[in-house]
Amino acid sequence: MSLLQFSHSQGVEFLGKIGFGELILILVIVLIIFGPSKLPEMGRAIGNGLREFKRATKGLQDDLDDNPSQTKESN
């Protein structure tokens, strides 16, 4: 089995699905690399980034919903 596997129904799948054990291992490695003092800062930064991304995509979706005729004319 290769590391990179293609499935028509799921697209590209890299190393299968991540289970609970793998998630714990990743979190332990991150804790060792960055230390406990940096984790809250990193969590806040990731949360702010995700919040901003969600806000931007919602704004884009709202613009598309407000002007459906412009999207049909541009195609």
Protein backbone atom coordinates (compact mmCIF):
# COMPACT_ATOMS: atom_id res chain seq x y z
CA MET A 1 0.00 0.00 0.00
CA SER A 2 1.41 3.38 -0.95
CA LEU A 3 1.51 6.49 1.23
CA LEU A 4 -0.54 8.45 -1.28
CA GLN A 5 -3.69 6.70 -2.38
CA PHE A 6 -6.30 7.92 -4.88
CA SER A 7 -9.96 7.08 -4.56
CA HIS A 8 -12.56 8.40 -6.99
CA SER A 9 -15.18 8.86 -4.29
CA GLN A 10 -12.91 10.45 -1.67
CA GLY A 11 -10.23 12.20 -3.72
CA VAL A 12 -6.64 11.96 -2.49
CA GLU A 13 -6.17 10.30 0.88
CA PHE A 14 -2.83 10.73 2.66
CA LEU A 15 -1.85 8.07 5.19
CA GLY A 16 -5.46 7.05 5.86
CA LYS A 17 -7.62 8.46 8.60
CA ILE A 18 -6.14 9.82 11.83
CA GLY A 19 -7.33 7.91 14.86
CA PHE A 20 -7.35 8.79 18.54
CA GLY A 21 -3.92 7.26 19.20
CA GLU A 22 -2.30 9.15 16.34
CA LEU A 23 -3.91 12.40 17.49
CA ILE A 24 -2.54 11.93 21.02
CA LEU A 25 0.92 11.20 19.59
CA ILE A 26 0.84 14.39 17.48
CA LEU A 27 -0.24 16.45 20.50
CA VAL A 28 2.56 14.99 22.65
CA ILE A 29 5.14 15.79 19.96
CA VAL A 30 3.82 19.35 19.65
CA LEU A 31 3.96 19.72 23.44
CA ILE A 32 7.57 18.50 23.50
CA ILE A 33 8.65 20.78 20.63
CA PHE A 34 6.92 24.01 21.68
CA GLY A 35 6.54 23.54 25.43
CA PRO A 36 3.50 24.20 27.60
CA SER A 37 3.95 27.99 27.68
CA LYS A 38 3.57 28.38 23.90
CA LEU A 39 0.50 26.15 23.45
CA PRO A 40 -2.11 28.73 24.60
CA GLU A 41 -0.59 31.35 22.29
CA MET A 42 -0.62 28.91 19.38
CA GLY A 43 -4.21 27.91 20.15
CA ARG A 44 -5.30 31.55 20.20
CA ALA A 45 -3.51 32.26 16.93
CA ILE A 46 -5.08 29.24 15.22
CA GLY A 47 -8.51 30.16 16.60
CA ASN A 48 -8.19 33.75 15.38
CA GLY A 49 -7.07 32.55 11.96
CA LEU A 50 -9.98 30.13 11.66
CA ARG A 51 -12.43 32.81 12.83
CA GLU A 52 -11.10 35.29 10.25
CA PHE A 53 -11.27 32.65 7.50
CA LYS A 54 -14.86 31.83 8.44
CA ARG A 55 -15.77 35.52 8.46
CA ALA A 56 -14.18 36.04 5.03
CA THR A 57 -15.88 33.04 3.46
CA LYS A 58 -19.23 34.04 4.98
CA GLY A 59 -18.80 37.54 3.54
CA LEU A 60 -18.00 36.08 0.13
CA GLN A 61 -21.02 33.76 0.30
CA ASP A 62 -23.25 36.69 1.33
CA ASP A 63 -21.98 38.71 -1.65
CA LEU A 64 -22.73 35.83 -3.99
CA ASP A 65 -26.20 35.37 -2.48
CA ASP A 66 -26.97 39.11 -2.82
CA ASN A 67 -25.96 39.27 -6.50
CA PRO A 68 -26.83 35.93 -8.16
CA SER A 69 -27.30 37.62 -11.56
CA GLN A 70 -23.66 38.77 -11.64
CA THR A 71 -22.35 35.23 -11.21
CA LYS A 72 -24.52 33.94 -14.07
CA GLU A 73 -23.46 36.80 -16.38
CA SER A 74 -19.75 36.32 -15.71
CA ASN A 75 -19.84 32.62 -16.71
